C-alpha atoms as a PDB file:
ATOM      1  CA  UNK A   1      24.886 -30.237 -19.479  1.00  0.00           C
ATOM      2  CA  UNK A   2      28.365 -30.058 -17.947  1.00  0.00           C
ATOM      3  CA  UNK A   3      28.224 -30.763 -14.177  1.00  0.00           C
ATOM      4  CA  UNK A   4      31.374 -30.088 -12.224  1.00  0.00           C
ATOM      5  CA  UNK A   5      33.083 -31.255  -9.053  1.00  0.00           C
ATOM      6  CA  UNK A   6      35.141 -28.452  -7.552  1.00  0.00           C
ATOM      7  CA  UNK A   7      38.583 -29.302  -6.209  1.00  0.00           C
ATOM      8  CA  UNK A   8      37.619 -27.423  -3.033  1.00  0.00           C
ATOM      9  CA  UNK A   9      34.606 -29.747  -2.626  1.00  0.00           C
ATOM     10  CA  UNK A  10      36.842 -32.805  -3.061  1.00  0.00           C
ATOM     11  CA  UNK A  11      39.184 -31.331  -0.457  1.00  0.00           C
ATOM     12  CA  UNK A  12      36.293 -30.965   1.975  1.00  0.00           C
ATOM     13  CA  UNK A  13      34.986 -34.500   1.424  1.00  0.00           C
ATOM     14  CA  UNK A  14      38.395 -36.187   1.667  1.00  0.00           C
ATOM     15  CA  UNK A  15      39.550 -33.961   4.534  1.00  0.00           C
ATOM     16  CA  UNK A  16      42.815 -33.069   2.838  1.00  0.00           C
ATOM     17  CA  UNK A  17      44.129 -29.653   1.878  1.00  0.00           C
ATOM     18  CA  UNK A  18      43.243 -28.012  -1.411  1.00  0.00           C
ATOM     19  CA  UNK A  19      46.929 -27.861  -2.485  1.00  0.00           C
ATOM     20  CA  UNK A  20      47.048 -31.635  -1.951  1.00  0.00           C
ATOM     21  CA  UNK A  21      44.171 -32.075  -4.414  1.00  0.00           C
ATOM     22  CA  UNK A  22      45.903 -29.826  -6.942  1.00  0.00           C
ATOM     23  CA  UNK A  23      49.148 -31.734  -6.520  1.00  0.00           C
ATOM     24  CA  UNK A  24      47.393 -35.068  -6.962  1.00  0.00           C
ATOM     25  CA  UNK A  25      45.691 -33.881 -10.153  1.00  0.00           C
ATOM     26  CA  UNK A  26      49.021 -32.820 -11.647  1.00  0.00           C
ATOM     27  CA  UNK A  27      51.130 -35.739 -10.448  1.00  0.00           C
ATOM     28  CA  UNK A  28      48.635 -38.284 -11.805  1.00  0.00           C
ATOM     29  CA  UNK A  29      48.111 -36.271 -15.001  1.00  0.00           C
ATOM     30  CA  UNK A  30      44.349 -36.182 -14.433  1.00  0.00           C
ATOM     31  CA  UNK A  31      42.055 -34.037 -16.569  1.00  0.00           C
ATOM     32  CA  UNK A  32      40.792 -30.846 -14.962  1.00  0.00           C
ATOM     33  CA  UNK A  33      39.798 -27.302 -15.875  1.00  0.00           C
ATOM     34  CA  UNK A  34      40.582 -23.989 -14.240  1.00  0.00           C
ATOM     35  CA  UNK A  35      38.115 -21.117 -14.562  1.00  0.00           C
ATOM     36  CA  UNK A  36      37.313 -18.082 -12.428  1.00  0.00           C
ATOM     37  CA  UNK A  37      40.277 -19.082 -10.278  1.00  0.00           C
ATOM     38  CA  UNK A  38      38.556 -22.389  -9.485  1.00  0.00           C
ATOM     39  CA  UNK A  39      39.697 -25.893 -10.398  1.00  0.00           C
ATOM     40  CA  UNK A  40      37.063 -28.472 -11.293  1.00  0.00           C
ATOM     41  CA  UNK A  41      36.728 -31.845 -12.971  1.00  0.00           C
ATOM     42  CA  UNK A  42      34.120 -34.395 -14.042  1.00  0.00           C
ATOM     43  CA  UNK A  43      33.191 -38.050 -13.523  1.00  0.00           C
ATOM     44  CA  UNK A  44      36.304 -39.687 -14.983  1.00  0.00           C
ATOM     45  CA  UNK A  45      38.721 -37.673 -12.877  1.00  0.00           C
ATOM     46  CA  UNK A  46      36.480 -38.060  -9.827  1.00  0.00           C
ATOM     47  CA  UNK A  47      36.852 -41.833 -10.060  1.00  0.00           C
ATOM     48  CA  UNK A  48      40.605 -41.387  -9.659  1.00  0.00           C
ATOM     49  CA  UNK A  49      40.358 -38.746  -6.947  1.00  0.00           C
ATOM     50  CA  UNK A  50      37.798 -40.410  -4.658  1.00  0.00           C
ATOM     51  CA  UNK A  51      38.254 -44.091  -5.610  1.00  0.00           C
ATOM     52  CA  UNK A  52      35.051 -44.966  -3.785  1.00  0.00           C
ATOM     53  CA  UNK A  53      34.064 -48.614  -3.686  1.00  0.00           C
ATOM     54  CA  UNK A  54      30.305 -49.046  -3.625  1.00  0.00           C
ATOM     55  CA  UNK A  55      28.003 -51.928  -2.850  1.00  0.00           C
ATOM     56  CA  UNK A  56      25.635 -51.809  -5.852  1.00  0.00           C
ATOM     57  CA  UNK A  57      22.180 -50.666  -4.745  1.00  0.00           C
ATOM     58  CA  UNK A  58      18.758 -49.805  -6.145  1.00  0.00           C
ATOM     59  CA  UNK A  59      16.751 -46.786  -5.004  1.00  0.00           C
ATOM     60  CA  UNK A  60      13.055 -46.445  -5.840  1.00  0.00           C
ATOM     61  CA  UNK A  61      11.815 -42.851  -5.607  1.00  0.00           C
ATOM     62  CA  UNK A  62       8.085 -42.756  -4.964  1.00  0.00           C
ATOM     63  CA  UNK A  63       5.192 -40.985  -3.271  1.00  0.00           C
ATOM     64  CA  UNK A  64       1.468 -41.293  -3.842  1.00  0.00           C
ATOM     65  CA  UNK A  65       1.238 -37.500  -3.560  1.00  0.00           C
ATOM     66  CA  UNK A  66       2.445 -35.683  -6.660  1.00  0.00           C
ATOM     67  CA  UNK A  67       4.279 -32.370  -6.740  1.00  0.00           C
ATOM     68  CA  UNK A  68       6.746 -33.138  -3.946  1.00  0.00           C
ATOM     69  CA  UNK A  69       9.795 -32.542  -6.169  1.00  0.00           C
ATOM     70  CA  UNK A  70      10.663 -36.217  -6.547  1.00  0.00           C
ATOM     71  CA  UNK A  71      12.141 -36.006 -10.045  1.00  0.00           C
ATOM     72  CA  UNK A  72      14.128 -32.831  -9.423  1.00  0.00           C
ATOM     73  CA  UNK A  73      15.599 -34.398  -6.283  1.00  0.00           C
ATOM     74  CA  UNK A  74      16.419 -37.745  -7.865  1.00  0.00           C
ATOM     75  CA  UNK A  75      17.916 -36.094 -10.962  1.00  0.00           C
ATOM     76  CA  UNK A  76      20.160 -33.753  -8.958  1.00  0.00           C
ATOM     77  CA  UNK A  77      21.226 -36.576  -6.638  1.00  0.00           C
ATOM     78  CA  UNK A  78      22.064 -38.849  -9.590  1.00  0.00           C
ATOM     79  CA  UNK A  79      24.208 -36.104 -11.114  1.00  0.00           C
ATOM     80  CA  UNK A  80      26.005 -35.483  -7.827  1.00  0.00           C
ATOM     81  CA  UNK A  81      26.724 -39.169  -7.254  1.00  0.00           C
ATOM     82  CA  UNK A  82      28.231 -39.395 -10.737  1.00  0.00           C
ATOM     83  CA  UNK A  83      30.510 -36.508  -9.753  1.00  0.00           C
ATOM     84  CA  UNK A  84      31.778 -38.611  -6.863  1.00  0.00           C
ATOM     85  CA  UNK A  85      32.799 -41.206  -9.433  1.00  0.00           C
ATOM     86  CA  UNK A  86      29.735 -43.455  -9.114  1.00  0.00           C
ATOM     87  CA  UNK A  87      28.132 -45.091 -12.131  1.00  0.00           C
ATOM     88  CA  UNK A  88      24.410 -44.304 -12.045  1.00  0.00           C
ATOM     89  CA  UNK A  89      21.740 -46.035 -14.124  1.00  0.00           C
ATOM     90  CA  UNK A  90      18.182 -44.675 -14.118  1.00  0.00           C
ATOM     91  CA  UNK A  91      14.916 -46.393 -15.005  1.00  0.00           C
ATOM     92  CA  UNK A  92      12.270 -43.776 -15.727  1.00  0.00           C
ATOM     93  CA  UNK A  93       8.884 -45.353 -14.954  1.00  0.00           C
ATOM     94  CA  UNK A  94       6.800 -42.190 -14.945  1.00  0.00           C
ATOM     95  CA  UNK A  95       4.779 -41.910 -18.153  1.00  0.00           C
ATOM     96  CA  UNK A  96       5.286 -38.140 -18.044  1.00  0.00           C
ATOM     97  CA  UNK A  97       8.998 -38.785 -18.637  1.00  0.00           C
ATOM     98  CA  UNK A  98      10.180 -35.826 -16.563  1.00  0.00           C
ATOM     99  CA  UNK A  99      13.499 -37.474 -15.682  1.00  0.00           C
ATOM    100  CA  UNK A 100      13.947 -38.366 -19.348  1.00  0.00           C
ATOM    101  CA  UNK A 101      13.340 -34.750 -20.375  1.00  0.00           C
ATOM    102  CA  UNK A 102      15.734 -33.509 -17.671  1.00  0.00           C
ATOM    103  CA  UNK A 103      18.418 -35.685 -19.261  1.00  0.00           C
ATOM    104  CA  UNK A 104      17.701 -34.202 -22.684  1.00  0.00           C
ATOM    105  CA  UNK A 105      16.672 -37.568 -24.125  1.00  0.00           C
ATOM    106  CA  UNK A 106      13.992 -37.994 -26.798  1.00  0.00           C
ATOM    107  CA  UNK A 107      12.266 -41.304 -26.033  1.00  0.00           C
ATOM    108  CA  UNK A 108       9.988 -41.448 -29.065  1.00  0.00           C
ATOM    109  CA  UNK A 109      12.098 -43.966 -30.955  1.00  0.00           C
ATOM    110  CA  UNK A 110      13.828 -45.565 -27.958  1.00  0.00           C
ATOM    111  CA  UNK A 111      12.850 -48.752 -26.101  1.00  0.00           C
ATOM    112  CA  UNK A 112      11.185 -48.047 -22.765  1.00  0.00           C
ATOM    113  CA  UNK A 113      10.254 -50.427 -19.957  1.00  0.00           C
ATOM    114  CA  UNK A 114       7.024 -51.631 -21.548  1.00  0.00           C
ATOM    115  CA  UNK A 115       9.049 -52.605 -24.642  1.00  0.00           C
ATOM    116  CA  UNK A 116      11.724 -54.280 -22.524  1.00  0.00           C
ATOM    117  CA  UNK A 117       9.097 -56.459 -20.834  1.00  0.00           C
ATOM    118  CA  UNK A 118       6.807 -57.186 -23.801  1.00  0.00           C
ATOM    119  CA  UNK A 119       9.678 -58.023 -26.171  1.00  0.00           C
ATOM    120  CA  UNK A 120      11.867 -59.630 -23.485  1.00  0.00           C
ATOM    121  CA  UNK A 121      14.799 -57.345 -24.281  1.00  0.00           C
ATOM    122  CA  UNK A 122      17.974 -57.122 -22.238  1.00  0.00           C
ATOM    123  CA  UNK A 123      17.555 -53.909 -20.273  1.00  0.00           C
ATOM    124  CA  UNK A 124      21.293 -53.321 -20.007  1.00  0.00           C
ATOM    125  CA  UNK A 125      21.560 -53.163 -23.831  1.00  0.00           C
ATOM    126  CA  UNK A 126      19.098 -50.275 -24.071  1.00  0.00           C
ATOM    127  CA  UNK A 127      20.385 -47.866 -21.450  1.00  0.00           C
ATOM    128  CA  UNK A 128      21.109 -44.510 -23.097  1.00  0.00           C
ATOM    129  CA  UNK A 129      24.243 -42.588 -22.176  1.00  0.00           C
ATOM    130  CA  UNK A 130      23.383 -39.129 -20.851  1.00  0.00           C
ATOM    131  CA  UNK A 131      26.946 -38.265 -19.935  1.00  0.00           C
ATOM    132  CA  UNK A 132      29.918 -40.007 -18.322  1.00  0.00           C
ATOM    133  CA  UNK A 133      28.659 -41.795 -15.226  1.00  0.00           C
ATOM    134  CA  UNK A 134      24.941 -41.446 -15.987  1.00  0.00           C
ATOM    135  CA  UNK A 135      22.743 -43.635 -18.228  1.00  0.00           C
ATOM    136  CA  UNK A 136      18.962 -43.862 -18.503  1.00  0.00           C
ATOM    137  CA  UNK A 137      16.210 -46.143 -19.711  1.00  0.00           C
ATOM    138  CA  UNK A 138      13.802 -43.391 -20.826  1.00  0.00           C
ATOM    139  CA  UNK A 139      10.039 -43.190 -20.537  1.00  0.00           C
ATOM    140  CA  UNK A 140       7.084 -41.846 -22.488  1.00  0.00           C
ATOM    141  CA  UNK A 141       3.280 -42.009 -22.310  1.00  0.00           C
ATOM    142  CA  UNK A 142       3.206 -45.687 -23.424  1.00  0.00           C
ATOM    143  CA  UNK A 143       4.391 -46.722 -19.962  1.00  0.00           C
ATOM    144  CA  UNK A 144       0.962 -45.663 -18.634  1.00  0.00           C
ATOM    145  CA  UNK A 145      -0.406 -49.121 -19.525  1.00  0.00           C
ATOM    146  CA  UNK A 146       2.306 -51.079 -17.698  1.00  0.00           C
ATOM    147  CA  UNK A 147      -0.081 -51.986 -14.880  1.00  0.00           C
ATOM    148  CA  UNK A 148      -2.477 -53.483 -17.437  1.00  0.00           C
ATOM    149  CA  UNK A 149       0.365 -55.537 -18.874  1.00  0.00           C
ATOM    150  CA  UNK A 150       1.156 -56.917 -15.428  1.00  0.00           C
ATOM    151  CA  UNK A 151      -2.504 -57.888 -14.939  1.00  0.00           C
ATOM    152  CA  UNK A 152      -3.220 -59.314 -18.398  1.00  0.00           C
ATOM    153  CA  UNK A 153      -0.023 -61.347 -18.555  1.00  0.00           C
ATOM    154  CA  UNK A 154      -0.011 -62.300 -14.849  1.00  0.00           C
ATOM    155  CA  UNK A 155       3.533 -60.995 -14.505  1.00  0.00           C
ATOM    156  CA  UNK A 156       5.188 -61.699 -11.142  1.00  0.00           C
ATOM    157  CA  UNK A 157       5.235 -58.358  -9.338  1.00  0.00           C
ATOM    158  CA  UNK A 158       7.944 -59.504  -6.943  1.00  0.00           C
ATOM    159  CA  UNK A 159      10.323 -60.654  -9.690  1.00  0.00           C
ATOM    160  CA  UNK A 160       9.610 -58.821 -12.960  1.00  0.00           C
ATOM    161  CA  UNK A 161      11.655 -55.710 -12.237  1.00  0.00           C
ATOM    162  CA  UNK A 162      13.924 -57.290  -9.666  1.00  0.00           C
ATOM    163  CA  UNK A 163      15.534 -59.638 -12.197  1.00  0.00           C
ATOM    164  CA  UNK A 164      16.248 -56.725 -14.526  1.00  0.00           C
ATOM    165  CA  UNK A 165      17.591 -54.512 -11.755  1.00  0.00           C
ATOM    166  CA  UNK A 166      19.905 -57.359 -10.747  1.00  0.00           C
ATOM    167  CA  UNK A 167      21.502 -57.174 -14.207  1.00  0.00           C
ATOM    168  CA  UNK A 168      21.908 -53.414 -13.953  1.00  0.00           C
ATOM    169  CA  UNK A 169      23.580 -53.731 -10.548  1.00  0.00           C
ATOM    170  CA  UNK A 170      26.443 -55.599 -12.231  1.00  0.00           C
ATOM    171  CA  UNK A 171      27.061 -52.482 -14.350  1.00  0.00           C
ATOM    172  CA  UNK A 172      26.090 -49.577 -12.081  1.00  0.00           C
ATOM    173  CA  UNK A 173      26.858 -48.547  -8.509  1.00  0.00           C
ATOM    174  CA  UNK A 174      23.443 -46.901  -8.121  1.00  0.00           C
ATOM    175  CA  UNK A 175      20.231 -47.821  -9.917  1.00  0.00           C
ATOM    176  CA  UNK A 176      17.514 -45.168  -9.552  1.00  0.00           C
ATOM    177  CA  UNK A 177      13.864 -45.870 -10.390  1.00  0.00           C
ATOM    178  CA  UNK A 178      11.778 -42.732 -10.839  1.00  0.00           C
ATOM    179  CA  UNK A 179       8.170 -43.770 -10.200  1.00  0.00           C
ATOM    180  CA  UNK A 180       4.840 -42.098 -10.996  1.00  0.00           C
ATOM    181  CA  UNK A 181       2.604 -40.962  -8.090  1.00  0.00           C
ATOM    182  CA  UNK A 182       0.717 -44.258  -7.776  1.00  0.00           C
ATOM    183  CA  UNK A 183       1.107 -47.681  -6.218  1.00  0.00           C
ATOM    184  CA  UNK A 184      -0.037 -50.065  -8.918  1.00  0.00           C
ATOM    185  CA  UNK A 185       1.671 -53.272  -9.932  1.00  0.00           C
ATOM    186  CA  UNK A 186       4.576 -51.528 -11.687  1.00  0.00           C
ATOM    187  CA  UNK A 187       5.465 -49.267  -8.766  1.00  0.00           C
ATOM    188  CA  UNK A 188       5.041 -52.178  -6.361  1.00  0.00           C
ATOM    189  CA  UNK A 189       7.431 -54.161  -8.528  1.00  0.00           C
ATOM    190  CA  UNK A 190       9.904 -51.258  -8.351  1.00  0.00           C
ATOM    191  CA  UNK A 191       9.627 -51.187  -4.550  1.00  0.00           C
ATOM    192  CA  UNK A 192      10.314 -54.924  -4.358  1.00  0.00           C
ATOM    193  CA  UNK A 193      13.345 -54.522  -6.627  1.00  0.00           C
ATOM    194  CA  UNK A 194      14.819 -51.738  -4.489  1.00  0.00           C
ATOM    195  CA  UNK A 195      17.277 -51.853  -1.625  1.00  0.00           C
ATOM    196  CA  UNK A 196      15.946 -48.481  -0.505  1.00  0.00           C
ATOM    197  CA  UNK A 197      12.659 -46.663  -1.117  1.00  0.00           C
ATOM    198  CA  UNK A 198      12.972 -42.875  -0.986  1.00  0.00           C
ATOM    199  CA  UNK A 199       9.804 -40.943  -0.168  1.00  0.00           C
ATOM    200  CA  UNK A 200      10.137 -37.164  -0.562  1.00  0.00           C
ATOM    201  CA  UNK A 201       7.864 -35.006   1.600  1.00  0.00           C
ATOM    202  CA  UNK A 202       7.238 -31.277   1.302  1.00  0.00           C
ATOM    203  CA  UNK A 203       5.606 -28.696   3.600  1.00  0.00           C
ATOM    204  CA  UNK A 204       2.454 -28.464   1.523  1.00  0.00           C
ATOM    205  CA  UNK A 205      -1.044 -29.049   2.834  1.00  0.00           C
ATOM    206  CA  UNK A 206      -1.825 -32.755   3.273  1.00  0.00           C
ATOM    207  CA  UNK A 207       1.867 -33.676   2.884  1.00  0.00           C
ATOM    208  CA  UNK A 208       1.998 -35.765   6.047  1.00  0.00           C
ATOM    209  CA  UNK A 209      -1.298 -37.375   5.091  1.00  0.00           C
ATOM    210  CA  UNK A 210       0.210 -38.335   1.730  1.00  0.00           C
ATOM    211  CA  UNK A 211       3.248 -39.768   3.495  1.00  0.00           C
ATOM    212  CA  UNK A 212       1.066 -41.743   5.890  1.00  0.00           C
ATOM    213  CA  UNK A 213      -1.020 -43.180   3.055  1.00  0.00           C
ATOM    214  CA  UNK A 214       2.124 -44.069   1.086  1.00  0.00           C
ATOM    215  CA  UNK A 215       3.674 -45.938   4.013  1.00  0.00           C
ATOM    216  CA  UNK A 216       0.419 -47.758   4.784  1.00  0.00           C
ATOM    217  CA  UNK A 217      -0.028 -48.786   1.152  1.00  0.00           C
ATOM    218  CA  UNK A 218       3.567 -50.019   0.970  1.00  0.00           C
ATOM    219  CA  UNK A 219       2.982 -52.062   4.102  1.00  0.00           C
ATOM    220  CA  UNK A 220      -0.407 -53.361   2.978  1.00  0.00           C
ATOM    221  CA  UNK A 221       0.341 -54.104  -0.677  1.00  0.00           C
ATOM    222  CA  UNK A 222       3.962 -55.156  -0.426  1.00  0.00           C
ATOM    223  CA  UNK A 223       5.331 -55.894   3.037  1.00  0.00           C
ATOM    224  CA  UNK A 224       2.452 -58.132   4.123  1.00  0.00           C
ATOM    225  CA  UNK A 225       1.564 -59.641   0.754  1.00  0.00           C
ATOM    226  CA  UNK A 226       5.098 -60.540  -0.306  1.00  0.00           C
ATOM    227  CA  UNK A 227       6.672 -60.885   3.130  1.00  0.00           C
ATOM    228  CA  UNK A 228       9.225 -58.255   2.099  1.00  0.00           C
ATOM    229  CA  UNK A 229      11.425 -56.199   4.390  1.00  0.00           C
ATOM    230  CA  UNK A 230      11.386 -52.712   2.873  1.00  0.00           C
ATOM    231  CA  UNK A 231      13.954 -50.076   3.820  1.00  0.00           C
ATOM    232  CA  UNK A 232      11.950 -46.855   3.484  1.00  0.00           C
ATOM    233  CA  UNK A 233      13.700 -43.497   3.825  1.00  0.00           C
ATOM    234  CA  UNK A 234      12.056 -40.063   4.051  1.00  0.00           C
ATOM    235  CA  UNK A 235      13.598 -36.877   2.651  1.00  0.00           C
ATOM    236  CA  UNK A 236      12.110 -33.508   3.614  1.00  0.00           C
ATOM    237  CA  UNK A 237      12.072 -31.255   0.554  1.00  0.00           C
ATOM    238  CA  UNK A 238      11.270 -27.554  -0.032  1.00  0.00           C
ATOM    239  CA  UNK A 239      11.958 -26.522   3.573  1.00  0.00           C
ATOM    240  CA  UNK A 240      11.452 -22.791   4.084  1.00  0.00           C
ATOM    241  CA  UNK A 241      12.587 -21.528   7.472  1.00  0.00           C
ATOM    242  CA  UNK A 242      10.409 -18.435   7.071  1.00  0.00           C
ATOM    243  CA  UNK A 243       7.135 -20.366   7.145  1.00  0.00           C
ATOM    244  CA  UNK A 244       5.313 -21.845  10.097  1.00  0.00           C
ATOM    245  CA  UNK A 245       4.160 -24.814   8.025  1.00  0.00           C
ATOM    246  CA  UNK A 246       7.739 -25.895   7.259  1.00  0.00           C
ATOM    247  CA  UNK A 247       8.568 -25.905  10.964  1.00  0.00           C
ATOM    248  CA  UNK A 248       5.379 -27.769  11.790  1.00  0.00           C
ATOM    249  CA  UNK A 249       5.960 -30.513   9.223  1.00  0.00           C
ATOM    250  CA  UNK A 250       9.638 -30.925  10.130  1.00  0.00           C
ATOM    251  CA  UNK A 251       8.767 -31.054  13.834  1.00  0.00           C
ATOM    252  CA  UNK A 252       6.111 -33.690  13.152  1.00  0.00           C
ATOM    253  CA  UNK A 253       8.605 -35.805  11.227  1.00  0.00           C
ATOM    254  CA  UNK A 254      11.219 -35.567  13.964  1.00  0.00           C
ATOM    255  CA  UNK A 255       8.820 -36.236  16.849  1.00  0.00           C
ATOM    256  CA  UNK A 256       7.072 -39.199  15.235  1.00  0.00           C
ATOM    257  CA  UNK A 257       9.039 -42.309  16.225  1.00  0.00           C
ATOM    258  CA  UNK A 258       8.336 -44.190  12.995  1.00  0.00           C
ATOM    259  CA  UNK A 259       9.059 -41.232  10.725  1.00  0.00           C
ATOM    260  CA  UNK A 260      12.149 -40.141  12.628  1.00  0.00           C
ATOM    261  CA  UNK A 261      13.968 -43.454  12.244  1.00  0.00           C
ATOM    262  CA  UNK A 262      13.438 -43.271   8.478  1.00  0.00           C
ATOM    263  CA  UNK A 263      14.345 -39.594   8.065  1.00  0.00           C
ATOM    264  CA  UNK A 264      17.497 -38.525   6.226  1.00  0.00           C
ATOM    265  CA  UNK A 265      19.604 -36.131   8.279  1.00  0.00           C
ATOM    266  CA  UNK A 266      19.698 -33.795   5.306  1.00  0.00           C
ATOM    267  CA  UNK A 267      16.671 -31.705   4.431  1.00  0.00           C
ATOM    268  CA  UNK A 268      16.445 -29.763   1.181  1.00  0.00           C
ATOM    269  CA  UNK A 269      15.778 -26.052   1.476  1.00  0.00           C
ATOM    270  CA  UNK A 270      13.351 -24.456  -0.954  1.00  0.00           C
ATOM    271  CA  UNK A 271      15.078 -23.151  -4.064  1.00  0.00           C
ATOM    272  CA  UNK A 272      14.179 -22.349  -7.646  1.00  0.00           C
ATOM    273  CA  UNK A 273      17.634 -23.487  -8.766  1.00  0.00           C
ATOM    274  CA  UNK A 274      16.508 -27.097  -9.174  1.00  0.00           C
ATOM    275  CA  UNK A 275      13.546 -26.506 -11.547  1.00  0.00           C
ATOM    276  CA  UNK A 276      15.241 -23.566 -13.264  1.00  0.00           C
ATOM    277  CA  UNK A 277      18.356 -25.539 -14.159  1.00  0.00           C
ATOM    278  CA  UNK A 278      16.302 -28.424 -15.560  1.00  0.00           C
ATOM    279  CA  UNK A 279      14.240 -25.990 -17.628  1.00  0.00           C
ATOM    280  CA  UNK A 280      17.510 -24.763 -19.182  1.00  0.00           C
ATOM    281  CA  UNK A 281      18.678 -28.296 -19.953  1.00  0.00           C
ATOM    282  CA  UNK A 282      21.326 -28.176 -17.230  1.00  0.00           C
ATOM    283  CA  UNK A 283      21.974 -29.398 -13.704  1.00  0.00           C
ATOM    284  CA  UNK A 284      22.552 -27.260 -10.631  1.00  0.00           C
ATOM    285  CA  UNK A 285      26.163 -28.466 -10.687  1.00  0.00           C
ATOM    286  CA  UNK A 286      26.882 -26.904 -14.069  1.00  0.00           C
ATOM    287  CA  UNK A 287      27.388 -23.544 -12.371  1.00  0.00           C
ATOM    288  CA  UNK A 288      30.483 -22.616 -10.388  1.00  0.00           C
ATOM    289  CA  UNK A 289      28.580 -20.323  -8.057  1.00  0.00           C
ATOM    290  CA  UNK A 290      27.626 -21.608  -4.595  1.00  0.00           C
ATOM    291  CA  UNK A 291      23.970 -22.197  -3.749  1.00  0.00           C
ATOM    292  CA  UNK A 292      21.889 -23.734  -0.984  1.00  0.00           C
ATOM    293  CA  UNK A 293      20.520 -26.291  -3.456  1.00  0.00           C
ATOM    294  CA  UNK A 294      24.025 -27.516  -4.301  1.00  0.00           C
ATOM    295  CA  UNK A 295      24.967 -27.686  -0.619  1.00  0.00           C
ATOM    296  CA  UNK A 296      21.860 -29.672   0.303  1.00  0.00           C
ATOM    297  CA  UNK A 297      22.008 -32.133  -2.598  1.00  0.00           C
ATOM    298  CA  UNK A 298      25.698 -32.711  -1.896  1.00  0.00           C
ATOM    299  CA  UNK A 299      24.921 -33.602   1.723  1.00  0.00           C
ATOM    300  CA  UNK A 300      22.149 -35.938   0.582  1.00  0.00           C
ATOM    301  CA  UNK A 301      24.480 -37.630  -1.907  1.00  0.00           C
ATOM    302  CA  UNK A 302      27.015 -38.124   0.874  1.00  0.00           C
ATOM    303  CA  UNK A 303      24.358 -39.921   2.925  1.00  0.00           C
ATOM    304  CA  UNK A 304      23.705 -42.208  -0.042  1.00  0.00           C
ATOM    305  CA  UNK A 305      27.431 -42.883  -0.281  1.00  0.00           C
ATOM    306  CA  UNK A 306      27.745 -43.689   3.425  1.00  0.00           C
ATOM    307  CA  UNK A 307      24.890 -46.197   3.147  1.00  0.00           C
ATOM    308  CA  UNK A 308      26.513 -47.984   0.210  1.00  0.00           C
ATOM    309  CA  UNK A 309      30.264 -47.732   0.687  1.00  0.00           C
ATOM    310  CA  UNK A 310      31.979 -51.108   0.891  1.00  0.00           C
ATOM    311  CA  UNK A 311      33.215 -52.018   4.346  1.00  0.00           C
ATOM    312  CA  UNK A 312      36.838 -52.003   3.224  1.00  0.00           C
ATOM    313  CA  UNK A 313      36.697 -48.502   1.729  1.00  0.00           C
ATOM    314  CA  UNK A 314      39.835 -46.506   2.471  1.00  0.00           C
ATOM    315  CA  UNK A 315      39.198 -43.241   4.254  1.00  0.00           C
ATOM    316  CA  UNK A 316      41.494 -41.168   2.010  1.00  0.00           C
ATOM    317  CA  UNK A 317      42.682 -42.512  -1.349  1.00  0.00           C
ATOM    318  CA  UNK A 318      45.284 -39.745  -1.688  1.00  0.00           C
ATOM    319  CA  UNK A 319      48.535 -40.975  -0.181  1.00  0.00           C
ATOM    320  CA  UNK A 320      49.732 -39.310   2.995  1.00  0.00           C
ATOM    321  CA  UNK A 321      53.134 -38.476   1.459  1.00  0.00           C
ATOM    322  CA  UNK A 322      51.239 -36.649  -1.292  1.00  0.00           C
ATOM    323  CA  UNK A 323      48.678 -34.866   0.820  1.00  0.00           C
ATOM    324  CA  UNK A 324      48.416 -32.755   3.906  1.00  0.00           C
ATOM    325  CA  UNK A 325      45.436 -33.760   5.986  1.00  0.00           C
ATOM    326  CA  UNK A 326      43.196 -30.755   6.538  1.00  0.00           C
END
């Protein structure tokens, strides 16, 4: 897996000319590669190009309805954020370990969350490096009994994951928690540890019903019980402009006052690039060719960045005497 940030994409984000990016790369002696007449670079160079200053945040990805593309979305977004220079740490909670597999990690002999809790291990010591800018605490089938552990040991749902996430936020700019399609004690604990809860929705039958049930369960089991103020965000995935159902679901999301205020501006168009790249052990950003999936995930990552940029963040880290503003 070798994801890439194109110099042209950096130019677009920073609103400076492409020659200014090229000049900055050379003048600062930053690592980059040129191929197919395109210049690109990875996480380490991106840190020096963008110099983004983030407020550390935790994002819990969850939906009671399975099959909405949650893991593909969260994986692609994590990769893209790392290409903007962010440090991303992932906790895979899903016993199926799909995020773990997407990262090419074998979790059989690695500590997972149930081990971290039962053996009182320091979670930050067991994050596995996937590539520069992206680490993961993997998952496997053993995590399926986490809810039982919470019950048997009377673990505090509102603090058990939150205290561990707090440690990770000293090391990472973004902490992602990939949750299974349930709302037991473990997923509730993840929601309470998060600054933002991301609920993907797709234009499948019963999708809005699944969203409604998820929001009601979050309110019933978490907001009321623990007096917590949850910031829940909705991302519309697998949009297909050729189908009536896609238009109907998107229209329902926009017209509903409660849904609309939670809705990301970006919606993800249907594409086989996301699952196909994961199946090949890659990310959609490994390729140099343009695609709708790359465009959409980039826009979503930018929304994440805008929500978490520090107030004092400079608009353009490249000096004016070095760059022509586009």
